[in-house]
């Protein structure tokens, strides 16, 4: 039986997937609003979609961390109720993270330390939205939630071999989500992905991405910026060159010429 089909995990996974799909929908709607800034409903809709993107990512993270805890230990003490009135208890994100950090440092490698911090930040934004007010800097909250969302999709893919298109039931949105990650959070996000790749793959299996400047291309796709990247040899000087699959982007950034001799690729 697959882990996610276990009776004690399957309901949490179903709940997690639902929130991921919900977040994906609101991220997509948030992005579409860029072209509607002159509309009278712009600010209202932006607040609505930003709010539910953050809340949905926070809830998906909550479910997913509990799944990890149950996966690592089916008899996890986190869920044991100390009250006779309740059959089980529901730990909050900080509690689950503290439990995982304390008990499974070896299983959850260095990149998880950064990932935990991002999920805690989203949780800190989710709580006031649910119980008090929407943050003034909602764009910042959405930016970090986009990072957390990509991290969740990546972890699910790596740990349980389930791709995002299977989860989200919509066209790939990773590139749009990457575009939402604003400075100064872009570099920490990039570092997180590079660290995660180093933990899972032989460097010989990774290629250079000329767009984000990292060794993060796996099987022709950049794990950081989600652009397709191909390797070609310059016919003039023999230099190995890395070219974006998007020809318009490659031309705009002058990446369709050899960096050594200037010959057209």
C-alpha atoms as a PDB file:
ATOM      1  CA  UNK A   1       0.000   0.000   0.000  1.00  0.00           C
ATOM      2  CA  UNK A   2       1.295   3.451  -0.920  1.00  0.00           C
ATOM      3  CA  UNK A   3       1.903   5.759   2.030  1.00  0.00           C
ATOM      4  CA  UNK A   4      -0.684   8.312   0.913  1.00  0.00           C
ATOM      5  CA  UNK A   5      -3.302   5.548   0.646  1.00  0.00           C
ATOM      6  CA  UNK A   6      -2.876   4.458   4.253  1.00  0.00           C
ATOM      7  CA  UNK A   7      -6.163   4.818   6.201  1.00  0.00           C
ATOM      8  CA  UNK A   8      -4.543   7.130   8.746  1.00  0.00           C
ATOM      9  CA  UNK A   9      -3.031   9.378   6.064  1.00  0.00           C
ATOM     10  CA  UNK A  10      -5.461   9.287   3.125  1.00  0.00           C
ATOM     11  CA  UNK A  11      -8.011  11.766   4.608  1.00  0.00           C
ATOM     12  CA  UNK A  12      -5.227  14.260   5.363  1.00  0.00           C
ATOM     13  CA  UNK A  13      -3.820  13.855   1.854  1.00  0.00           C
ATOM     14  CA  UNK A  14      -7.259  14.425   0.313  1.00  0.00           C
ATOM     15  CA  UNK A  15      -7.613  17.588   2.414  1.00  0.00           C
ATOM     16  CA  UNK A  16      -4.097  18.724   1.487  1.00  0.00           C
ATOM     17  CA  UNK A  17      -4.725  18.248  -2.249  1.00  0.00           C
ATOM     18  CA  UNK A  18      -7.973  20.194  -2.062  1.00  0.00           C
ATOM     19  CA  UNK A  19      -6.219  23.172  -0.464  1.00  0.00           C
ATOM     20  CA  UNK A  20      -3.374  23.004  -2.992  1.00  0.00           C
ATOM     21  CA  UNK A  21      -5.901  23.099  -5.843  1.00  0.00           C
ATOM     22  CA  UNK A  22      -7.709  25.978  -4.154  1.00  0.00           C
ATOM     23  CA  UNK A  23      -4.437  27.885  -3.740  1.00  0.00           C
ATOM     24  CA  UNK A  24      -3.518  27.233  -7.377  1.00  0.00           C
ATOM     25  CA  UNK A  25      -6.814  28.700  -8.532  1.00  0.00           C
ATOM     26  CA  UNK A  26      -6.384  31.880  -6.475  1.00  0.00           C
ATOM     27  CA  UNK A  27      -2.741  32.333  -7.529  1.00  0.00           C
ATOM     28  CA  UNK A  28      -3.875  32.106 -11.151  1.00  0.00           C
ATOM     29  CA  UNK A  29      -6.624  34.660 -10.598  1.00  0.00           C
ATOM     30  CA  UNK A  30      -4.171  36.947  -8.742  1.00  0.00           C
ATOM     31  CA  UNK A  31      -1.836  36.853 -11.756  1.00  0.00           C
ATOM     32  CA  UNK A  32      -4.647  37.581 -14.204  1.00  0.00           C
ATOM     33  CA  UNK A  33      -5.494  40.783 -12.310  1.00  0.00           C
ATOM     34  CA  UNK A  34      -2.266  42.404 -13.558  1.00  0.00           C
ATOM     35  CA  UNK A  35      -4.100  43.447 -16.715  1.00  0.00           C
ATOM     36  CA  UNK A  36      -7.171  44.783 -14.863  1.00  0.00           C
ATOM     37  CA  UNK A  37      -5.728  47.530 -12.662  1.00  0.00           C
ATOM     38  CA  UNK A  38      -8.113  50.070 -14.204  1.00  0.00           C
ATOM     39  CA  UNK A  39     -11.209  48.066 -13.246  1.00  0.00           C
ATOM     40  CA  UNK A  40     -13.315  49.207 -10.251  1.00  0.00           C
ATOM     41  CA  UNK A  41     -13.222  45.725  -8.723  1.00  0.00           C
ATOM     42  CA  UNK A  42      -9.413  45.398  -8.965  1.00  0.00           C
ATOM     43  CA  UNK A  43      -8.499  46.050  -5.313  1.00  0.00           C
ATOM     44  CA  UNK A  44     -11.380  44.007  -3.950  1.00  0.00           C
ATOM     45  CA  UNK A  45     -10.566  41.019  -6.157  1.00  0.00           C
ATOM     46  CA  UNK A  46      -6.838  41.314  -5.456  1.00  0.00           C
ATOM     47  CA  UNK A  47      -7.480  41.213  -1.720  1.00  0.00           C
ATOM     48  CA  UNK A  48      -9.849  38.267  -2.125  1.00  0.00           C
ATOM     49  CA  UNK A  49      -7.516  36.109  -4.226  1.00  0.00           C
ATOM     50  CA  UNK A  50      -4.414  37.044  -2.234  1.00  0.00           C
ATOM     51  CA  UNK A  51      -6.134  36.229   1.032  1.00  0.00           C
ATOM     52  CA  UNK A  52      -7.315  32.799  -0.075  1.00  0.00           C
ATOM     53  CA  UNK A  53      -3.997  31.931  -1.736  1.00  0.00           C
ATOM     54  CA  UNK A  54      -2.175  32.517   1.575  1.00  0.00           C
ATOM     55  CA  UNK A  55      -4.823  30.768   3.687  1.00  0.00           C
ATOM     56  CA  UNK A  56      -4.977  27.763   1.355  1.00  0.00           C
ATOM     57  CA  UNK A  57      -1.186  27.338   1.249  1.00  0.00           C
ATOM     58  CA  UNK A  58      -1.112  27.585   5.038  1.00  0.00           C
ATOM     59  CA  UNK A  59      -3.745  24.887   5.382  1.00  0.00           C
ATOM     60  CA  UNK A  60      -2.077  22.632   2.798  1.00  0.00           C
ATOM     61  CA  UNK A  61       1.220  23.018   4.692  1.00  0.00           C
ATOM     62  CA  UNK A  62      -0.527  22.102   7.954  1.00  0.00           C
ATOM     63  CA  UNK A  63      -1.895  18.902   6.433  1.00  0.00           C
ATOM     64  CA  UNK A  64       1.337  18.008   4.671  1.00  0.00           C
ATOM     65  CA  UNK A  65       3.513  18.370   7.772  1.00  0.00           C
ATOM     66  CA  UNK A  66       1.129  16.071   9.647  1.00  0.00           C
ATOM     67  CA  UNK A  67       1.404  13.571   6.789  1.00  0.00           C
ATOM     68  CA  UNK A  68       5.203  13.651   7.089  1.00  0.00           C
ATOM     69  CA  UNK A  69       4.960  13.104  10.848  1.00  0.00           C
ATOM     70  CA  UNK A  70       2.589  10.144  10.375  1.00  0.00           C
ATOM     71  CA  UNK A  71       4.717   8.747   7.566  1.00  0.00           C
ATOM     72  CA  UNK A  72       7.839   8.784   9.745  1.00  0.00           C
ATOM     73  CA  UNK A  73       5.992   7.421  12.773  1.00  0.00           C
ATOM     74  CA  UNK A  74       2.456   5.969  12.498  1.00  0.00           C
ATOM     75  CA  UNK A  75       2.167   6.192  16.286  1.00  0.00           C
ATOM     76  CA  UNK A  76       3.307   9.806  16.385  1.00  0.00           C
ATOM     77  CA  UNK A  77       2.743  11.313  19.833  1.00  0.00           C
ATOM     78  CA  UNK A  78       1.638  14.608  18.275  1.00  0.00           C
ATOM     79  CA  UNK A  79      -1.847  13.228  17.691  1.00  0.00           C
ATOM     80  CA  UNK A  80      -2.411  11.586  21.065  1.00  0.00           C
ATOM     81  CA  UNK A  81      -4.979  13.503  23.081  1.00  0.00           C
ATOM     82  CA  UNK A  82      -4.332  14.135  26.766  1.00  0.00           C
ATOM     83  CA  UNK A  83      -8.015  14.753  27.343  1.00  0.00           C
ATOM     84  CA  UNK A  84     -10.589  12.015  27.814  1.00  0.00           C
ATOM     85  CA  UNK A  85     -13.086  14.165  25.938  1.00  0.00           C
ATOM     86  CA  UNK A  86     -11.144  13.984  22.682  1.00  0.00           C
ATOM     87  CA  UNK A  87     -10.030  10.937  20.722  1.00  0.00           C
ATOM     88  CA  UNK A  88      -7.090  12.787  19.149  1.00  0.00           C
ATOM     89  CA  UNK A  89      -5.535  16.240  19.040  1.00  0.00           C
ATOM     90  CA  UNK A  90      -4.675  18.547  16.154  1.00  0.00           C
ATOM     91  CA  UNK A  91      -1.181  20.036  16.467  1.00  0.00           C
ATOM     92  CA  UNK A  92      -0.519  23.454  14.932  1.00  0.00           C
ATOM     93  CA  UNK A  93       2.238  24.029  12.369  1.00  0.00           C
ATOM     94  CA  UNK A  94       4.862  25.236  14.893  1.00  0.00           C
ATOM     95  CA  UNK A  95       4.201  22.168  17.068  1.00  0.00           C
ATOM     96  CA  UNK A  96       4.538  19.762  14.140  1.00  0.00           C
ATOM     97  CA  UNK A  97       7.701  21.460  12.906  1.00  0.00           C
ATOM     98  CA  UNK A  98       9.260  21.365  16.385  1.00  0.00           C
ATOM     99  CA  UNK A  99       8.434  17.649  16.630  1.00  0.00           C
ATOM    100  CA  UNK A 100       9.991  16.901  13.223  1.00  0.00           C
ATOM    101  CA  UNK A 101      13.107  18.971  13.917  1.00  0.00           C
ATOM    102  CA  UNK A 102      13.631  17.303  17.286  1.00  0.00           C
ATOM    103  CA  UNK A 103      13.065  13.705  16.207  1.00  0.00           C
ATOM    104  CA  UNK A 104      14.010  13.458  12.534  1.00  0.00           C
ATOM    105  CA  UNK A 105      17.052  15.641  11.843  1.00  0.00           C
ATOM    106  CA  UNK A 106      18.742  12.871   9.892  1.00  0.00           C
ATOM    107  CA  UNK A 107      15.722  12.028   7.726  1.00  0.00           C
ATOM    108  CA  UNK A 108      14.902  15.679   7.003  1.00  0.00           C
ATOM    109  CA  UNK A 109      18.092  17.177   5.639  1.00  0.00           C
ATOM    110  CA  UNK A 110      19.450  20.745   5.592  1.00  0.00           C
ATOM    111  CA  UNK A 111      17.038  22.161   3.019  1.00  0.00           C
ATOM    112  CA  UNK A 112      14.131  21.355   5.350  1.00  0.00           C
ATOM    113  CA  UNK A 113      15.461  23.911   7.836  1.00  0.00           C
ATOM    114  CA  UNK A 114      14.822  26.678   5.297  1.00  0.00           C
ATOM    115  CA  UNK A 115      11.539  25.124   4.190  1.00  0.00           C
ATOM    116  CA  UNK A 116      10.270  25.014   7.781  1.00  0.00           C
ATOM    117  CA  UNK A 117      10.974  28.756   8.193  1.00  0.00           C
ATOM    118  CA  UNK A 118       8.953  29.590   5.078  1.00  0.00           C
ATOM    119  CA  UNK A 119       6.019  27.456   6.204  1.00  0.00           C
ATOM    120  CA  UNK A 120       6.113  29.093   9.638  1.00  0.00           C
ATOM    121  CA  UNK A 121       6.033  32.544   7.999  1.00  0.00           C
ATOM    122  CA  UNK A 122       2.980  31.584   5.933  1.00  0.00           C
ATOM    123  CA  UNK A 123       1.341  30.244   9.090  1.00  0.00           C
ATOM    124  CA  UNK A 124       2.055  33.557  10.830  1.00  0.00           C
ATOM    125  CA  UNK A 125       0.274  35.352   7.959  1.00  0.00           C
ATOM    126  CA  UNK A 126      -2.581  32.882   7.822  1.00  0.00           C
ATOM    127  CA  UNK A 127      -3.524  33.234  11.502  1.00  0.00           C
ATOM    128  CA  UNK A 128      -4.349  36.975  11.494  1.00  0.00           C
ATOM    129  CA  UNK A 129      -6.194  36.587   8.182  1.00  0.00           C
ATOM    130  CA  UNK A 130      -8.363  33.855   9.685  1.00  0.00           C
ATOM    131  CA  UNK A 131      -8.923  35.512  13.053  1.00  0.00           C
ATOM    132  CA  UNK A 132      -8.293  39.235  12.774  1.00  0.00           C
ATOM    133  CA  UNK A 133      -7.183  41.292   9.762  1.00  0.00           C
ATOM    134  CA  UNK A 134      -5.653  40.979   6.322  1.00  0.00           C
ATOM    135  CA  UNK A 135      -1.966  42.100   6.337  1.00  0.00           C
ATOM    136  CA  UNK A 136      -1.316  45.528   4.836  1.00  0.00           C
ATOM    137  CA  UNK A 137       1.532  44.107   2.776  1.00  0.00           C
ATOM    138  CA  UNK A 138      -0.583  41.351   1.252  1.00  0.00           C
ATOM    139  CA  UNK A 139       1.688  41.239  -1.816  1.00  0.00           C
ATOM    140  CA  UNK A 140       4.583  40.211   0.431  1.00  0.00           C
ATOM    141  CA  UNK A 141       2.446  37.501   2.029  1.00  0.00           C
ATOM    142  CA  UNK A 142       1.467  36.203  -1.422  1.00  0.00           C
ATOM    143  CA  UNK A 143       5.116  36.250  -2.518  1.00  0.00           C
ATOM    144  CA  UNK A 144       6.216  34.050   0.379  1.00  0.00           C
ATOM    145  CA  UNK A 145       3.135  31.837  -0.016  1.00  0.00           C
ATOM    146  CA  UNK A 146       4.139  31.281  -3.666  1.00  0.00           C
ATOM    147  CA  UNK A 147       7.564  30.121  -2.474  1.00  0.00           C
ATOM    148  CA  UNK A 148       5.957  27.810   0.107  1.00  0.00           C
ATOM    149  CA  UNK A 149       3.541  26.495  -2.528  1.00  0.00           C
ATOM    150  CA  UNK A 150       6.403  25.623  -4.890  1.00  0.00           C
ATOM    151  CA  UNK A 151       8.248  24.008  -1.993  1.00  0.00           C
ATOM    152  CA  UNK A 152       5.223  21.868  -1.156  1.00  0.00           C
ATOM    153  CA  UNK A 153       4.805  20.756  -4.762  1.00  0.00           C
ATOM    154  CA  UNK A 154       8.507  19.935  -4.968  1.00  0.00           C
ATOM    155  CA  UNK A 155       8.538  17.964  -1.711  1.00  0.00           C
ATOM    156  CA  UNK A 156       5.452  15.985  -2.724  1.00  0.00           C
ATOM    157  CA  UNK A 157       7.004  15.184  -6.090  1.00  0.00           C
ATOM    158  CA  UNK A 158      10.337  14.117  -4.593  1.00  0.00           C
ATOM    159  CA  UNK A 159       8.932  12.185  -1.645  1.00  0.00           C
ATOM    160  CA  UNK A 160       5.824  10.616  -3.157  1.00  0.00           C
ATOM    161  CA  UNK A 161       6.489  10.870  -6.941  1.00  0.00           C
ATOM    162  CA  UNK A 162       3.312  12.847  -7.626  1.00  0.00           C
ATOM    163  CA  UNK A 163       3.589  15.667 -10.156  1.00  0.00           C
ATOM    164  CA  UNK A 164       1.868  19.015  -9.773  1.00  0.00           C
ATOM    165  CA  UNK A 165      -0.374  18.555 -12.827  1.00  0.00           C
ATOM    166  CA  UNK A 166      -1.903  15.491 -11.146  1.00  0.00           C
ATOM    167  CA  UNK A 167      -2.563  17.485  -7.971  1.00  0.00           C
ATOM    168  CA  UNK A 168      -3.765  20.791  -9.406  1.00  0.00           C
ATOM    169  CA  UNK A 169      -5.930  19.664 -12.332  1.00  0.00           C
ATOM    170  CA  UNK A 170      -4.861  22.714 -14.340  1.00  0.00           C
ATOM    171  CA  UNK A 171      -2.131  23.770 -16.752  1.00  0.00           C
ATOM    172  CA  UNK A 172       1.345  24.209 -15.192  1.00  0.00           C
ATOM    173  CA  UNK A 173       1.553  27.396 -13.108  1.00  0.00           C
ATOM    174  CA  UNK A 174       5.060  27.030 -11.671  1.00  0.00           C
ATOM    175  CA  UNK A 175       6.558  29.724 -13.919  1.00  0.00           C
ATOM    176  CA  UNK A 176       3.880  32.222 -12.837  1.00  0.00           C
ATOM    177  CA  UNK A 177       4.453  31.320  -9.189  1.00  0.00           C
ATOM    178  CA  UNK A 178       8.200  31.836  -9.564  1.00  0.00           C
ATOM    179  CA  UNK A 179       7.513  35.303 -10.983  1.00  0.00           C
ATOM    180  CA  UNK A 180       5.575  36.145  -7.820  1.00  0.00           C
ATOM    181  CA  UNK A 181       8.603  35.611  -5.567  1.00  0.00           C
ATOM    182  CA  UNK A 182       9.920  39.120  -5.046  1.00  0.00           C
ATOM    183  CA  UNK A 183      13.224  40.482  -3.793  1.00  0.00           C
ATOM    184  CA  UNK A 184      14.737  40.048  -1.242  1.00  0.00           C
ATOM    185  CA  UNK A 185      13.222  36.552  -1.015  1.00  0.00           C
ATOM    186  CA  UNK A 186      14.301  35.380  -4.453  1.00  0.00           C
ATOM    187  CA  UNK A 187      17.886  34.506  -3.497  1.00  0.00           C
ATOM    188  CA  UNK A 188      16.916  32.501  -0.382  1.00  0.00           C
ATOM    189  CA  UNK A 189      14.396  30.597  -2.520  1.00  0.00           C
ATOM    190  CA  UNK A 190      17.083  29.881  -5.125  1.00  0.00           C
ATOM    191  CA  UNK A 191      19.514  28.747  -2.430  1.00  0.00           C
ATOM    192  CA  UNK A 192      16.850  26.439  -1.009  1.00  0.00           C
ATOM    193  CA  UNK A 193      16.296  24.720  -4.363  1.00  0.00           C
ATOM    194  CA  UNK A 194      20.039  24.379  -5.041  1.00  0.00           C
ATOM    195  CA  UNK A 195      20.578  22.866  -1.575  1.00  0.00           C
ATOM    196  CA  UNK A 196      17.668  20.503  -2.069  1.00  0.00           C
ATOM    197  CA  UNK A 197      19.054  19.367  -5.430  1.00  0.00           C
ATOM    198  CA  UNK A 198      22.494  18.772  -3.936  1.00  0.00           C
ATOM    199  CA  UNK A 199      20.894  16.507  -1.318  1.00  0.00           C
ATOM    200  CA  UNK A 200      19.053  14.400  -3.879  1.00  0.00           C
ATOM    201  CA  UNK A 201      21.094  14.320  -7.101  1.00  0.00           C
ATOM    202  CA  UNK A 202      24.602  13.715  -8.349  1.00  0.00           C
ATOM    203  CA  UNK A 203      26.035  17.028  -9.654  1.00  0.00           C
ATOM    204  CA  UNK A 204      26.848  15.207 -12.904  1.00  0.00           C
ATOM    205  CA  UNK A 205      23.094  14.983 -13.570  1.00  0.00           C
ATOM    206  CA  UNK A 206      22.601  18.747 -13.310  1.00  0.00           C
ATOM    207  CA  UNK A 207      23.220  21.411 -15.949  1.00  0.00           C
ATOM    208  CA  UNK A 208      23.658  25.176 -15.798  1.00  0.00           C
ATOM    209  CA  UNK A 209      20.687  27.534 -16.172  1.00  0.00           C
ATOM    210  CA  UNK A 210      21.700  30.775 -17.935  1.00  0.00           C
ATOM    211  CA  UNK A 211      18.530  32.495 -16.685  1.00  0.00           C
ATOM    212  CA  UNK A 212      18.984  32.109 -12.935  1.00  0.00           C
ATOM    213  CA  UNK A 213      22.713  31.349 -12.940  1.00  0.00           C
ATOM    214  CA  UNK A 214      22.564  28.083 -10.998  1.00  0.00           C
ATOM    215  CA  UNK A 215      23.368  24.417 -11.577  1.00  0.00           C
ATOM    216  CA  UNK A 216      19.708  23.537 -11.376  1.00  0.00           C
ATOM    217  CA  UNK A 217      18.692  22.087 -14.747  1.00  0.00           C
ATOM    218  CA  UNK A 218      17.436  18.525 -14.419  1.00  0.00           C
ATOM    219  CA  UNK A 219      16.358  16.588 -17.503  1.00  0.00           C
ATOM    220  CA  UNK A 220      16.067  19.761 -19.576  1.00  0.00           C
ATOM    221  CA  UNK A 221      14.034  21.821 -17.104  1.00  0.00           C
ATOM    222  CA  UNK A 222      15.278  24.324 -14.532  1.00  0.00           C
ATOM    223  CA  UNK A 223      14.180  23.402 -11.026  1.00  0.00           C
ATOM    224  CA  UNK A 224      14.459  27.044  -9.924  1.00  0.00           C
ATOM    225  CA  UNK A 225      12.731  29.079 -12.658  1.00  0.00           C
ATOM    226  CA  UNK A 226      10.945  26.212 -14.493  1.00  0.00           C
ATOM    227  CA  UNK A 227      12.168  27.237 -17.942  1.00  0.00           C
ATOM    228  CA  UNK A 228      13.198  24.555 -20.425  1.00  0.00           C
ATOM    229  CA  UNK A 229      16.929  24.668 -21.156  1.00  0.00           C
ATOM    230  CA  UNK A 230      18.802  22.843 -23.907  1.00  0.00           C
ATOM    231  CA  UNK A 231      22.517  22.238 -24.421  1.00  0.00           C
ATOM    232  CA  UNK A 232      24.067  22.894 -27.801  1.00  0.00           C
ATOM    233  CA  UNK A 233      27.573  23.100 -29.206  1.00  0.00           C
ATOM    234  CA  UNK A 234      28.716  26.184 -31.076  1.00  0.00           C
ATOM    235  CA  UNK A 235      29.488  25.308 -34.698  1.00  0.00           C
ATOM    236  CA  UNK A 236      32.283  27.892 -34.837  1.00  0.00           C
ATOM    237  CA  UNK A 237      34.316  27.391 -31.645  1.00  0.00           C
ATOM    238  CA  UNK A 238      32.916  24.194 -30.144  1.00  0.00           C
ATOM    239  CA  UNK A 239      31.817  25.881 -26.894  1.00  0.00           C
ATOM    240  CA  UNK A 240      29.043  24.100 -25.014  1.00  0.00           C
ATOM    241  CA  UNK A 241      26.161  26.568 -24.646  1.00  0.00           C
ATOM    242  CA  UNK A 242      22.963  26.564 -22.625  1.00  0.00           C
ATOM    243  CA  UNK A 243      19.942  27.975 -24.443  1.00  0.00           C
ATOM    244  CA  UNK A 244      16.385  28.649 -23.130  1.00  0.00           C
ATOM    245  CA  UNK A 245      13.687  26.720 -24.936  1.00  0.00           C
ATOM    246  CA  UNK A 246      11.695  29.955 -25.322  1.00  0.00           C
ATOM    247  CA  UNK A 247      13.264  31.409 -28.492  1.00  0.00           C
ATOM    248  CA  UNK A 248      11.815  34.892 -27.891  1.00  0.00           C
ATOM    249  CA  UNK A 249      13.248  34.982 -24.370  1.00  0.00           C
ATOM    250  CA  UNK A 250      16.592  33.652 -25.599  1.00  0.00           C
ATOM    251  CA  UNK A 251      16.772  36.372 -28.271  1.00  0.00           C
ATOM    252  CA  UNK A 252      15.690  39.129 -25.880  1.00  0.00           C
ATOM    253  CA  UNK A 253      18.425  38.178 -23.388  1.00  0.00           C
ATOM    254  CA  UNK A 254      20.974  37.551 -26.169  1.00  0.00           C
ATOM    255  CA  UNK A 255      21.312  33.932 -25.114  1.00  0.00           C
ATOM    256  CA  UNK A 256      20.928  32.684 -28.674  1.00  0.00           C
ATOM    257  CA  UNK A 257      24.568  33.524 -29.464  1.00  0.00           C
ATOM    258  CA  UNK A 258      27.745  31.833 -28.278  1.00  0.00           C
ATOM    259  CA  UNK A 259      29.165  33.650 -25.222  1.00  0.00           C
ATOM    260  CA  UNK A 260      32.725  32.852 -26.361  1.00  0.00           C
ATOM    261  CA  UNK A 261      32.801  33.813 -30.035  1.00  0.00           C
ATOM    262  CA  UNK A 262      29.431  35.557 -30.635  1.00  0.00           C
ATOM    263  CA  UNK A 263      28.328  33.145 -33.324  1.00  0.00           C
ATOM    264  CA  UNK A 264      24.598  32.616 -33.748  1.00  0.00           C
ATOM    265  CA  UNK A 265      23.456  29.330 -32.244  1.00  0.00           C
END
